[in-house]
């Protein structure tokens, strides 16, 4: 596996971890070797016994008191199965990060609680990402009135309780991070508007869409000087494909310039969906069940990793001392 490691902040270090999963296996470990970024790491892996390989990338910001690197951002590359004699290129952490929607991510309503669980900082290849944040503000409105706010960056860690009846809802989130962590994508501001009422079942997906910017850059996050660069903008989620009515630039924020955004308009928004409060809930684990957020680093109010559902159980891929 030839893994190209980006350096969108410039001057940082990082590492790739790889864990092999044999059929029926339930645990694994890996030892990371930090290196200067951008870089290329070539991994020679076995193809015997039906093994699959799960890769992770970590970007470091300094060291702790014991001299071990401190993770400030990272991505999970998911499991891969390889065939003998072949090279599998992978690129991570280049270009502009942004929201992505997948089969198991989006906006949801469980009874009288609404919450988001999606990827706000996926890289252009769609890898799920985490990082240190400087600020998080997520707010839900019902029929124009504020229901509540929390500091969950839509990782599924907080819910907002709403009345059971049908109503118009607006969910907004604003998540910021330091240019020292990610120079190209220092923030994501997003708003979703939908109607919702208490569903008859348990977990119901709400209509939601996100734009994806397919910007190709070098490993340092740059493009050629003096040349015009074009890139595709696609829509994922409820407004994808024939459901997309229009795509336009959102109005600038009065507080100053922010990351580029687009607003998607649905042709049709499917209806789904105690009293005003946002409550903490257990984030989804790698297996999708309530519990501790998967991967690294340890959960904090200003840091998190979005839910994911790999083919194997979650694994701690953090750098560690080699045991004797």
C-alpha atoms as a PDB file:
ATOM      1  CA  UNK A   1       0.000   0.000   0.000  1.00  0.00           C
ATOM      2  CA  UNK A   2       1.512   3.302  -1.103  1.00  0.00           C
ATOM      3  CA  UNK A   3       0.077   5.930   1.246  1.00  0.00           C
ATOM      4  CA  UNK A   4       0.507   9.632   0.413  1.00  0.00           C
ATOM      5  CA  UNK A   5       0.278  11.759   3.562  1.00  0.00           C
ATOM      6  CA  UNK A   6      -0.780  15.376   3.197  1.00  0.00           C
ATOM      7  CA  UNK A   7       0.314  18.376   5.267  1.00  0.00           C
ATOM      8  CA  UNK A   8      -2.373  21.080   4.969  1.00  0.00           C
ATOM      9  CA  UNK A   9      -1.041  23.021   7.988  1.00  0.00           C
ATOM     10  CA  UNK A  10       2.623  22.845   6.986  1.00  0.00           C
ATOM     11  CA  UNK A  11       5.588  21.707   9.046  1.00  0.00           C
ATOM     12  CA  UNK A  12       3.789  19.097  11.145  1.00  0.00           C
ATOM     13  CA  UNK A  13       4.587  15.432  11.671  1.00  0.00           C
ATOM     14  CA  UNK A  14       2.346  12.411  11.321  1.00  0.00           C
ATOM     15  CA  UNK A  15       2.172   8.647  11.065  1.00  0.00           C
ATOM     16  CA  UNK A  16       0.268   5.764   9.526  1.00  0.00           C
ATOM     17  CA  UNK A  17      -0.933   2.827  11.568  1.00  0.00           C
ATOM     18  CA  UNK A  18      -2.053  -0.480  10.091  1.00  0.00           C
ATOM     19  CA  UNK A  19      -3.893  -3.332  11.788  1.00  0.00           C
ATOM     20  CA  UNK A  20      -4.499  -6.721  10.190  1.00  0.00           C
ATOM     21  CA  UNK A  21      -7.835  -8.484  10.688  1.00  0.00           C
ATOM     22  CA  UNK A  22      -8.103 -12.227  10.108  1.00  0.00           C
ATOM     23  CA  UNK A  23     -11.558 -13.776   9.647  1.00  0.00           C
ATOM     24  CA  UNK A  24     -13.087 -14.147  13.089  1.00  0.00           C
ATOM     25  CA  UNK A  25     -10.509 -11.874  14.711  1.00  0.00           C
ATOM     26  CA  UNK A  26     -11.657  -9.422  17.369  1.00  0.00           C
ATOM     27  CA  UNK A  27      -8.582  -7.450  18.482  1.00  0.00           C
ATOM     28  CA  UNK A  28      -5.394  -5.982  17.063  1.00  0.00           C
ATOM     29  CA  UNK A  29      -2.679  -3.418  17.679  1.00  0.00           C
ATOM     30  CA  UNK A  30      -0.202  -1.291  15.775  1.00  0.00           C
ATOM     31  CA  UNK A  31       2.954   0.741  16.459  1.00  0.00           C
ATOM     32  CA  UNK A  32       3.143   4.118  14.688  1.00  0.00           C
ATOM     33  CA  UNK A  33       6.391   5.706  13.510  1.00  0.00           C
ATOM     34  CA  UNK A  34       6.029   9.520  13.243  1.00  0.00           C
ATOM     35  CA  UNK A  35       7.665  11.258  10.279  1.00  0.00           C
ATOM     36  CA  UNK A  36       7.817  14.727   8.794  1.00  0.00           C
ATOM     37  CA  UNK A  37       4.881  15.684   6.549  1.00  0.00           C
ATOM     38  CA  UNK A  38       4.135  15.692   3.674  1.00  0.00           C
ATOM     39  CA  UNK A  39       5.467  12.218   3.072  1.00  0.00           C
ATOM     40  CA  UNK A  40       4.937   8.857   1.435  1.00  0.00           C
ATOM     41  CA  UNK A  41       4.728   5.660   3.452  1.00  0.00           C
ATOM     42  CA  UNK A  42       4.898   2.320   1.647  1.00  0.00           C
ATOM     43  CA  UNK A  43       3.439  -0.632   3.543  1.00  0.00           C
ATOM     44  CA  UNK A  44       4.143  -4.224   2.493  1.00  0.00           C
ATOM     45  CA  UNK A  45       1.316  -6.405   3.762  1.00  0.00           C
ATOM     46  CA  UNK A  46       0.349 -10.063   3.604  1.00  0.00           C
ATOM     47  CA  UNK A  47      -2.526 -11.322   1.496  1.00  0.00           C
ATOM     48  CA  UNK A  48      -2.740 -14.775   3.099  1.00  0.00           C
ATOM     49  CA  UNK A  49      -5.630 -16.202   5.089  1.00  0.00           C
ATOM     50  CA  UNK A  50      -8.245 -13.688   3.988  1.00  0.00           C
ATOM     51  CA  UNK A  51      -6.640 -10.905   6.008  1.00  0.00           C
ATOM     52  CA  UNK A  52      -7.901  -7.325   5.641  1.00  0.00           C
ATOM     53  CA  UNK A  53      -5.967  -4.225   6.677  1.00  0.00           C
ATOM     54  CA  UNK A  54      -7.342  -1.185   8.478  1.00  0.00           C
ATOM     55  CA  UNK A  55      -5.300   2.001   8.126  1.00  0.00           C
ATOM     56  CA  UNK A  56      -5.302   5.119  10.258  1.00  0.00           C
ATOM     57  CA  UNK A  57      -3.509   8.449   9.856  1.00  0.00           C
ATOM     58  CA  UNK A  58      -2.574  10.785  12.722  1.00  0.00           C
ATOM     59  CA  UNK A  59      -1.254  14.344  12.604  1.00  0.00           C
ATOM     60  CA  UNK A  60       0.733  15.465  15.647  1.00  0.00           C
ATOM     61  CA  UNK A  61       1.115  18.820  17.377  1.00  0.00           C
ATOM     62  CA  UNK A  62       4.079  18.708  19.723  1.00  0.00           C
ATOM     63  CA  UNK A  63       4.949  16.149  22.392  1.00  0.00           C
ATOM     64  CA  UNK A  64       3.860  15.440  25.953  1.00  0.00           C
ATOM     65  CA  UNK A  65       6.070  15.533  29.063  1.00  0.00           C
ATOM     66  CA  UNK A  66       7.291  12.001  28.311  1.00  0.00           C
ATOM     67  CA  UNK A  67       8.296  12.899  24.757  1.00  0.00           C
ATOM     68  CA  UNK A  68       5.411  11.112  23.054  1.00  0.00           C
ATOM     69  CA  UNK A  69       3.584  12.894  20.192  1.00  0.00           C
ATOM     70  CA  UNK A  70       0.214  14.540  20.880  1.00  0.00           C
ATOM     71  CA  UNK A  71      -2.492  13.804  18.319  1.00  0.00           C
ATOM     72  CA  UNK A  72      -4.262  16.938  17.046  1.00  0.00           C
ATOM     73  CA  UNK A  73      -6.008  15.505  13.972  1.00  0.00           C
ATOM     74  CA  UNK A  74      -6.390  12.280  12.057  1.00  0.00           C
ATOM     75  CA  UNK A  75      -8.370  10.114   9.655  1.00  0.00           C
ATOM     76  CA  UNK A  76      -9.535   6.524   9.455  1.00  0.00           C
ATOM     77  CA  UNK A  77      -8.958   4.978   6.031  1.00  0.00           C
ATOM     78  CA  UNK A  78     -11.097   1.900   6.576  1.00  0.00           C
ATOM     79  CA  UNK A  79     -10.391  -1.786   5.905  1.00  0.00           C
ATOM     80  CA  UNK A  80      -8.797  -2.962   2.638  1.00  0.00           C
ATOM     81  CA  UNK A  81      -8.234  -6.407   1.155  1.00  0.00           C
ATOM     82  CA  UNK A  82      -5.262  -6.833  -1.175  1.00  0.00           C
ATOM     83  CA  UNK A  83      -4.188  -9.225  -3.905  1.00  0.00           C
ATOM     84  CA  UNK A  84      -0.605 -10.488  -4.344  1.00  0.00           C
ATOM     85  CA  UNK A  85       1.786  -8.435  -6.473  1.00  0.00           C
ATOM     86  CA  UNK A  86      -0.362  -5.324  -6.678  1.00  0.00           C
ATOM     87  CA  UNK A  87       0.141  -1.745  -5.482  1.00  0.00           C
ATOM     88  CA  UNK A  88      -2.730   0.083  -3.825  1.00  0.00           C
ATOM     89  CA  UNK A  89      -2.313   3.888  -3.716  1.00  0.00           C
ATOM     90  CA  UNK A  90      -4.052   5.857  -0.963  1.00  0.00           C
ATOM     91  CA  UNK A  91      -4.063   9.601  -0.321  1.00  0.00           C
ATOM     92  CA  UNK A  92      -5.133  11.211   2.931  1.00  0.00           C
ATOM     93  CA  UNK A  93      -5.440  14.738   4.392  1.00  0.00           C
ATOM     94  CA  UNK A  94      -5.054  16.827   1.242  1.00  0.00           C
ATOM     95  CA  UNK A  95      -7.205  19.628  -0.114  1.00  0.00           C
ATOM     96  CA  UNK A  96     -10.304  21.001   1.543  1.00  0.00           C
ATOM     97  CA  UNK A  97     -12.060  19.054   4.288  1.00  0.00           C
ATOM     98  CA  UNK A  98     -15.825  19.231   4.565  1.00  0.00           C
ATOM     99  CA  UNK A  99     -19.057  17.426   5.444  1.00  0.00           C
ATOM    100  CA  UNK A 100     -19.863  14.011   4.003  1.00  0.00           C
ATOM    101  CA  UNK A 101     -22.974  11.869   4.338  1.00  0.00           C
ATOM    102  CA  UNK A 102     -22.899   8.082   4.371  1.00  0.00           C
ATOM    103  CA  UNK A 103     -25.212   5.164   4.875  1.00  0.00           C
ATOM    104  CA  UNK A 104     -24.969   5.358   8.655  1.00  0.00           C
ATOM    105  CA  UNK A 105     -24.560   9.112   9.115  1.00  0.00           C
ATOM    106  CA  UNK A 106     -26.908  12.091   8.939  1.00  0.00           C
ATOM    107  CA  UNK A 107     -29.610  13.752  11.025  1.00  0.00           C
ATOM    108  CA  UNK A 108     -31.898  11.545  13.106  1.00  0.00           C
ATOM    109  CA  UNK A 109     -34.941  11.628  15.349  1.00  0.00           C
ATOM    110  CA  UNK A 110     -35.554   9.129  18.126  1.00  0.00           C
ATOM    111  CA  UNK A 111     -38.928   9.701  19.761  1.00  0.00           C
ATOM    112  CA  UNK A 112     -38.911  13.331  20.857  1.00  0.00           C
ATOM    113  CA  UNK A 113     -35.149  13.815  20.463  1.00  0.00           C
ATOM    114  CA  UNK A 114     -33.288  15.159  17.413  1.00  0.00           C
ATOM    115  CA  UNK A 115     -29.540  14.863  16.888  1.00  0.00           C
ATOM    116  CA  UNK A 116     -26.843  14.838  14.218  1.00  0.00           C
ATOM    117  CA  UNK A 117     -24.227  12.141  13.622  1.00  0.00           C
ATOM    118  CA  UNK A 118     -22.197  12.869  10.495  1.00  0.00           C
ATOM    119  CA  UNK A 119     -18.738  13.688   9.170  1.00  0.00           C
ATOM    120  CA  UNK A 120     -18.059  17.437   9.293  1.00  0.00           C
ATOM    121  CA  UNK A 121     -14.341  17.221   8.470  1.00  0.00           C
ATOM    122  CA  UNK A 122     -13.912  14.414   5.961  1.00  0.00           C
ATOM    123  CA  UNK A 123     -11.004  14.796   3.548  1.00  0.00           C
ATOM    124  CA  UNK A 124     -11.614  14.891  -0.242  1.00  0.00           C
ATOM    125  CA  UNK A 125     -11.288  11.098  -0.430  1.00  0.00           C
ATOM    126  CA  UNK A 126     -14.138  10.761   2.077  1.00  0.00           C
ATOM    127  CA  UNK A 127     -12.064   9.515   5.007  1.00  0.00           C
ATOM    128  CA  UNK A 128     -13.666  10.149   8.404  1.00  0.00           C
ATOM    129  CA  UNK A 129     -11.673  12.742  10.322  1.00  0.00           C
ATOM    130  CA  UNK A 130     -11.261  14.169  13.822  1.00  0.00           C
ATOM    131  CA  UNK A 131      -9.304  17.138  15.162  1.00  0.00           C
ATOM    132  CA  UNK A 132      -8.900  19.640  17.973  1.00  0.00           C
ATOM    133  CA  UNK A 133     -11.554  22.368  17.807  1.00  0.00           C
ATOM    134  CA  UNK A 134     -11.341  25.922  19.097  1.00  0.00           C
ATOM    135  CA  UNK A 135     -15.118  26.414  19.271  1.00  0.00           C
ATOM    136  CA  UNK A 136     -18.351  24.481  18.650  1.00  0.00           C
ATOM    137  CA  UNK A 137     -21.892  25.901  18.584  1.00  0.00           C
ATOM    138  CA  UNK A 138     -24.831  23.717  17.553  1.00  0.00           C
ATOM    139  CA  UNK A 139     -28.401  25.094  17.845  1.00  0.00           C
ATOM    140  CA  UNK A 140     -31.865  23.728  17.060  1.00  0.00           C
ATOM    141  CA  UNK A 141     -34.900  25.910  16.268  1.00  0.00           C
ATOM    142  CA  UNK A 142     -38.540  24.792  16.119  1.00  0.00           C
ATOM    143  CA  UNK A 143     -41.056  27.003  14.262  1.00  0.00           C
ATOM    144  CA  UNK A 144     -38.527  29.823  14.553  1.00  0.00           C
ATOM    145  CA  UNK A 145     -38.059  29.527  18.326  1.00  0.00           C
ATOM    146  CA  UNK A 146     -34.762  28.359  19.789  1.00  0.00           C
ATOM    147  CA  UNK A 147     -35.015  24.919  21.375  1.00  0.00           C
ATOM    148  CA  UNK A 148     -31.485  24.745  22.744  1.00  0.00           C
ATOM    149  CA  UNK A 149     -27.752  24.778  22.059  1.00  0.00           C
ATOM    150  CA  UNK A 150     -24.830  22.469  22.815  1.00  0.00           C
ATOM    151  CA  UNK A 151     -21.154  21.971  21.986  1.00  0.00           C
ATOM    152  CA  UNK A 152     -21.538  18.708  20.064  1.00  0.00           C
ATOM    153  CA  UNK A 153     -19.999  19.016  16.544  1.00  0.00           C
ATOM    154  CA  UNK A 154     -22.703  16.631  15.257  1.00  0.00           C
ATOM    155  CA  UNK A 155     -20.830  13.547  16.403  1.00  0.00           C
ATOM    156  CA  UNK A 156     -23.953  12.135  18.053  1.00  0.00           C
ATOM    157  CA  UNK A 157     -22.994  13.174  21.591  1.00  0.00           C
ATOM    158  CA  UNK A 158     -25.940  15.514  22.302  1.00  0.00           C
ATOM    159  CA  UNK A 159     -29.689  15.479  21.582  1.00  0.00           C
ATOM    160  CA  UNK A 160     -32.328  18.190  21.650  1.00  0.00           C
ATOM    161  CA  UNK A 161     -35.778  17.345  23.041  1.00  0.00           C
ATOM    162  CA  UNK A 162     -38.770  18.691  21.088  1.00  0.00           C
ATOM    163  CA  UNK A 163     -42.576  18.354  21.298  1.00  0.00           C
ATOM    164  CA  UNK A 164     -44.154  15.449  19.412  1.00  0.00           C
ATOM    165  CA  UNK A 165     -46.236  17.482  16.932  1.00  0.00           C
ATOM    166  CA  UNK A 166     -45.292  18.294  13.346  1.00  0.00           C
ATOM    167  CA  UNK A 167     -43.211  21.465  12.999  1.00  0.00           C
ATOM    168  CA  UNK A 168     -40.570  23.227  10.910  1.00  0.00           C
ATOM    169  CA  UNK A 169     -37.054  22.734  12.320  1.00  0.00           C
ATOM    170  CA  UNK A 170     -33.733  24.421  11.616  1.00  0.00           C
ATOM    171  CA  UNK A 171     -30.479  22.870  12.840  1.00  0.00           C
ATOM    172  CA  UNK A 172     -27.316  24.981  12.661  1.00  0.00           C
ATOM    173  CA  UNK A 173     -23.737  24.204  13.579  1.00  0.00           C
ATOM    174  CA  UNK A 174     -20.544  26.240  13.533  1.00  0.00           C
ATOM    175  CA  UNK A 175     -17.271  24.437  14.230  1.00  0.00           C
ATOM    176  CA  UNK A 176     -13.879  26.187  14.192  1.00  0.00           C
ATOM    177  CA  UNK A 177     -10.289  24.959  14.464  1.00  0.00           C
ATOM    178  CA  UNK A 178      -6.858  26.572  14.440  1.00  0.00           C
ATOM    179  CA  UNK A 179      -4.935  27.187  11.186  1.00  0.00           C
ATOM    180  CA  UNK A 180      -2.080  25.379  12.943  1.00  0.00           C
ATOM    181  CA  UNK A 181      -4.199  22.212  12.707  1.00  0.00           C
ATOM    182  CA  UNK A 182      -5.674  22.706   9.242  1.00  0.00           C
ATOM    183  CA  UNK A 183      -4.770  25.797   7.250  1.00  0.00           C
ATOM    184  CA  UNK A 184      -7.198  25.088   4.380  1.00  0.00           C
ATOM    185  CA  UNK A 185     -10.308  24.172   6.373  1.00  0.00           C
ATOM    186  CA  UNK A 186     -10.472  26.212   9.568  1.00  0.00           C
ATOM    187  CA  UNK A 187     -14.225  25.966   9.981  1.00  0.00           C
ATOM    188  CA  UNK A 188     -17.514  24.503   8.836  1.00  0.00           C
ATOM    189  CA  UNK A 189     -20.825  26.370   9.085  1.00  0.00           C
ATOM    190  CA  UNK A 190     -23.916  24.392   8.123  1.00  0.00           C
ATOM    191  CA  UNK A 191     -27.702  24.778   8.324  1.00  0.00           C
ATOM    192  CA  UNK A 192     -30.390  22.190   7.633  1.00  0.00           C
ATOM    193  CA  UNK A 193     -34.120  22.979   7.390  1.00  0.00           C
ATOM    194  CA  UNK A 194     -36.727  20.211   7.601  1.00  0.00           C
ATOM    195  CA  UNK A 195     -40.167  19.313   8.911  1.00  0.00           C
ATOM    196  CA  UNK A 196     -40.450  16.644  11.559  1.00  0.00           C
ATOM    197  CA  UNK A 197     -42.905  15.021  13.945  1.00  0.00           C
ATOM    198  CA  UNK A 198     -42.584  12.161  16.411  1.00  0.00           C
ATOM    199  CA  UNK A 199     -41.976   9.010  14.336  1.00  0.00           C
ATOM    200  CA  UNK A 200     -43.848   5.762  14.920  1.00  0.00           C
ATOM    201  CA  UNK A 201     -40.609   3.779  15.173  1.00  0.00           C
ATOM    202  CA  UNK A 202     -37.365   4.299  17.046  1.00  0.00           C
ATOM    203  CA  UNK A 203     -34.553   5.858  14.985  1.00  0.00           C
ATOM    204  CA  UNK A 204     -35.759   7.812  11.930  1.00  0.00           C
ATOM    205  CA  UNK A 205     -33.480   9.513   9.417  1.00  0.00           C
ATOM    206  CA  UNK A 206     -34.314  13.159   8.700  1.00  0.00           C
ATOM    207  CA  UNK A 207     -33.846  14.820   5.295  1.00  0.00           C
ATOM    208  CA  UNK A 208     -30.346  16.300   5.040  1.00  0.00           C
ATOM    209  CA  UNK A 209     -27.856  17.105   2.297  1.00  0.00           C
ATOM    210  CA  UNK A 210     -24.284  18.383   2.100  1.00  0.00           C
ATOM    211  CA  UNK A 211     -22.079  19.739  -0.725  1.00  0.00           C
ATOM    212  CA  UNK A 212     -18.797  18.023  -1.540  1.00  0.00           C
ATOM    213  CA  UNK A 213     -15.910  20.004  -3.044  1.00  0.00           C
ATOM    214  CA  UNK A 214     -13.738  17.794  -5.242  1.00  0.00           C
ATOM    215  CA  UNK A 215     -10.642  20.001  -5.129  1.00  0.00           C
ATOM    216  CA  UNK A 216      -7.436  18.239  -6.154  1.00  0.00           C
ATOM    217  CA  UNK A 217      -4.279  19.677  -4.564  1.00  0.00           C
ATOM    218  CA  UNK A 218      -0.726  18.599  -3.899  1.00  0.00           C
ATOM    219  CA  UNK A 219       0.261  16.998  -0.614  1.00  0.00           C
ATOM    220  CA  UNK A 220       0.942  20.439   0.814  1.00  0.00           C
ATOM    221  CA  UNK A 221      -2.576  21.595  -0.054  1.00  0.00           C
ATOM    222  CA  UNK A 222      -1.466  23.815  -2.950  1.00  0.00           C
ATOM    223  CA  UNK A 223      -2.348  24.191  -6.639  1.00  0.00           C
ATOM    224  CA  UNK A 224      -0.145  25.507  -9.492  1.00  0.00           C
ATOM    225  CA  UNK A 225       0.491  29.265  -9.364  1.00  0.00           C
ATOM    226  CA  UNK A 226      -1.077  31.362 -12.112  1.00  0.00           C
ATOM    227  CA  UNK A 227      -3.333  28.619 -13.451  1.00  0.00           C
ATOM    228  CA  UNK A 228      -7.109  28.491 -13.389  1.00  0.00           C
ATOM    229  CA  UNK A 229      -8.364  25.616 -11.266  1.00  0.00           C
ATOM    230  CA  UNK A 230     -11.808  24.109 -11.691  1.00  0.00           C
ATOM    231  CA  UNK A 231     -13.374  21.466  -9.495  1.00  0.00           C
ATOM    232  CA  UNK A 232     -16.680  19.632  -9.231  1.00  0.00           C
ATOM    233  CA  UNK A 233     -19.256  20.406  -6.547  1.00  0.00           C
ATOM    234  CA  UNK A 234     -21.562  17.481  -5.887  1.00  0.00           C
ATOM    235  CA  UNK A 235     -24.445  17.037  -3.465  1.00  0.00           C
ATOM    236  CA  UNK A 236     -24.867  14.055  -1.145  1.00  0.00           C
ATOM    237  CA  UNK A 237     -27.946  13.088   0.816  1.00  0.00           C
ATOM    238  CA  UNK A 238     -31.633  13.789   0.249  1.00  0.00           C
ATOM    239  CA  UNK A 239     -31.033  16.349  -2.521  1.00  0.00           C
ATOM    240  CA  UNK A 240     -28.613  14.177  -4.514  1.00  0.00           C
ATOM    241  CA  UNK A 241     -29.187  13.372  -8.178  1.00  0.00           C
ATOM    242  CA  UNK A 242     -32.622  14.191  -9.553  1.00  0.00           C
ATOM    243  CA  UNK A 243     -33.789  15.503  -6.168  1.00  0.00           C
ATOM    244  CA  UNK A 244     -31.603  18.607  -6.507  1.00  0.00           C
ATOM    245  CA  UNK A 245     -33.638  21.664  -7.495  1.00  0.00           C
ATOM    246  CA  UNK A 246     -30.928  24.317  -7.273  1.00  0.00           C
ATOM    247  CA  UNK A 247     -27.454  24.968  -5.896  1.00  0.00           C
ATOM    248  CA  UNK A 248     -26.387  28.465  -4.915  1.00  0.00           C
ATOM    249  CA  UNK A 249     -23.803  30.246  -2.812  1.00  0.00           C
ATOM    250  CA  UNK A 250     -24.941  30.972   0.729  1.00  0.00           C
ATOM    251  CA  UNK A 251     -25.050  34.558   1.949  1.00  0.00           C
ATOM    252  CA  UNK A 252     -21.813  35.791   3.547  1.00  0.00           C
ATOM    253  CA  UNK A 253     -21.680  35.750   7.315  1.00  0.00           C
ATOM    254  CA  UNK A 254     -21.919  39.208   8.962  1.00  0.00           C
ATOM    255  CA  UNK A 255     -19.079  38.218  11.297  1.00  0.00           C
ATOM    256  CA  UNK A 256     -16.618  37.937   8.441  1.00  0.00           C
ATOM    257  CA  UNK A 257     -15.437  35.532   5.720  1.00  0.00           C
ATOM    258  CA  UNK A 258     -15.667  31.825   6.403  1.00  0.00           C
ATOM    259  CA  UNK A 259     -15.114  28.605   4.547  1.00  0.00           C
ATOM    260  CA  UNK A 260     -16.988  28.396   1.205  1.00  0.00           C
ATOM    261  CA  UNK A 261     -20.488  26.963   1.518  1.00  0.00           C
ATOM    262  CA  UNK A 262     -23.323  26.088  -0.820  1.00  0.00           C
ATOM    263  CA  UNK A 263     -27.033  25.793  -0.176  1.00  0.00           C
ATOM    264  CA  UNK A 264     -28.914  22.901  -1.734  1.00  0.00           C
ATOM    265  CA  UNK A 265     -32.662  23.077  -2.328  1.00  0.00           C
ATOM    266  CA  UNK A 266     -34.668  19.846  -2.364  1.00  0.00           C
ATOM    267  CA  UNK A 267     -37.386  19.137  -4.858  1.00  0.00           C
ATOM    268  CA  UNK A 268     -39.187  17.245  -2.106  1.00  0.00           C
ATOM    269  CA  UNK A 269     -38.381  17.029   1.569  1.00  0.00           C
ATOM    270  CA  UNK A 270     -39.798  13.854   3.092  1.00  0.00           C
ATOM    271  CA  UNK A 271     -41.638  14.363   6.392  1.00  0.00           C
ATOM    272  CA  UNK A 272     -40.481  12.242   9.284  1.00  0.00           C
ATOM    273  CA  UNK A 273     -39.672  13.105  11.912  1.00  0.00           C
ATOM    274  CA  UNK A 274     -40.101  17.098  26.343  1.00  0.00           C
ATOM    275  CA  UNK A 275     -39.880  20.223  25.916  1.00  0.00           C
ATOM    276  CA  UNK A 276     -37.108  22.495  25.063  1.00  0.00           C
ATOM    277  CA  UNK A 277     -33.703  21.253  26.073  1.00  0.00           C
ATOM    278  CA  UNK A 278     -30.593  19.722  24.617  1.00  0.00           C
ATOM    279  CA  UNK A 279     -29.245  16.738  26.504  1.00  0.00           C
ATOM    280  CA  UNK A 280     -26.020  14.788  26.424  1.00  0.00           C
ATOM    281  CA  UNK A 281     -26.252  11.341  24.914  1.00  0.00           C
ATOM    282  CA  UNK A 282     -23.683   8.616  24.401  1.00  0.00           C
ATOM    283  CA  UNK A 283     -21.966   9.017  20.999  1.00  0.00           C
ATOM    284  CA  UNK A 284     -22.160   6.163  18.553  1.00  0.00           C
ATOM    285  CA  UNK A 285     -19.320   3.663  18.718  1.00  0.00           C
ATOM    286  CA  UNK A 286     -17.669   2.106  15.676  1.00  0.00           C
ATOM    287  CA  UNK A 287     -20.345  -0.570  15.815  1.00  0.00           C
ATOM    288  CA  UNK A 288     -23.100   2.044  15.934  1.00  0.00           C
ATOM    289  CA  UNK A 289     -24.151   1.405  19.533  1.00  0.00           C
ATOM    290  CA  UNK A 290     -24.101   4.004  22.339  1.00  0.00           C
ATOM    291  CA  UNK A 291     -20.759   4.237  24.079  1.00  0.00           C
ATOM    292  CA  UNK A 292     -17.323   5.795  23.938  1.00  0.00           C
ATOM    293  CA  UNK A 293     -16.359   7.445  20.616  1.00  0.00           C
ATOM    294  CA  UNK A 294     -14.151   5.173  18.522  1.00  0.00           C
ATOM    295  CA  UNK A 295     -10.476   5.606  17.805  1.00  0.00           C
ATOM    296  CA  UNK A 296      -8.230   8.307  19.174  1.00  0.00           C
ATOM    297  CA  UNK A 297      -7.610  10.587  20.935  1.00  0.00           C
ATOM    298  CA  UNK A 298      -9.515  10.433  24.217  1.00  0.00           C
ATOM    299  CA  UNK A 299     -12.919  12.212  24.100  1.00  0.00           C
ATOM    300  CA  UNK A 300     -13.026  15.859  25.145  1.00  0.00           C
ATOM    301  CA  UNK A 301     -15.549  18.649  24.742  1.00  0.00           C
ATOM    302  CA  UNK A 302     -13.377  20.302  22.083  1.00  0.00           C
ATOM    303  CA  UNK A 303     -12.323  17.160  20.277  1.00  0.00           C
ATOM    304  CA  UNK A 304     -14.108  14.159  18.855  1.00  0.00           C
ATOM    305  CA  UNK A 305     -14.298  11.577  16.148  1.00  0.00           C
ATOM    306  CA  UNK A 306     -17.493  11.035  14.158  1.00  0.00           C
ATOM    307  CA  UNK A 307     -19.296   7.700  14.200  1.00  0.00           C
ATOM    308  CA  UNK A 308     -18.232   5.071  11.738  1.00  0.00           C
ATOM    309  CA  UNK A 309     -19.063   1.441  11.061  1.00  0.00           C
ATOM    310  CA  UNK A 310     -15.977  -0.479   9.921  1.00  0.00           C
ATOM    311  CA  UNK A 311     -16.223  -4.143   9.123  1.00  0.00           C
ATOM    312  CA  UNK A 312     -14.310  -4.981  12.295  1.00  0.00           C
ATOM    313  CA  UNK A 313     -14.487  -3.735  15.893  1.00  0.00           C
ATOM    314  CA  UNK A 314     -12.787  -0.441  16.707  1.00  0.00           C
ATOM    315  CA  UNK A 315      -9.113  -0.503  17.597  1.00  0.00           C
ATOM    316  CA  UNK A 316      -6.900   1.905  19.496  1.00  0.00           C
ATOM    317  CA  UNK A 317      -4.329   2.927  16.893  1.00  0.00           C
ATOM    318  CA  UNK A 318      -2.526   5.454  19.071  1.00  0.00           C
ATOM    319  CA  UNK A 319       1.286   5.484  19.176  1.00  0.00           C
ATOM    320  CA  UNK A 320       2.576   3.366  22.014  1.00  0.00           C
ATOM    321  CA  UNK A 321       5.740   2.081  23.572  1.00  0.00           C
ATOM    322  CA  UNK A 322       6.930  -1.219  22.175  1.00  0.00           C
ATOM    323  CA  UNK A 323       6.707  -3.969  24.776  1.00  0.00           C
ATOM    324  CA  UNK A 324       9.616  -6.255  25.468  1.00  0.00           C
END
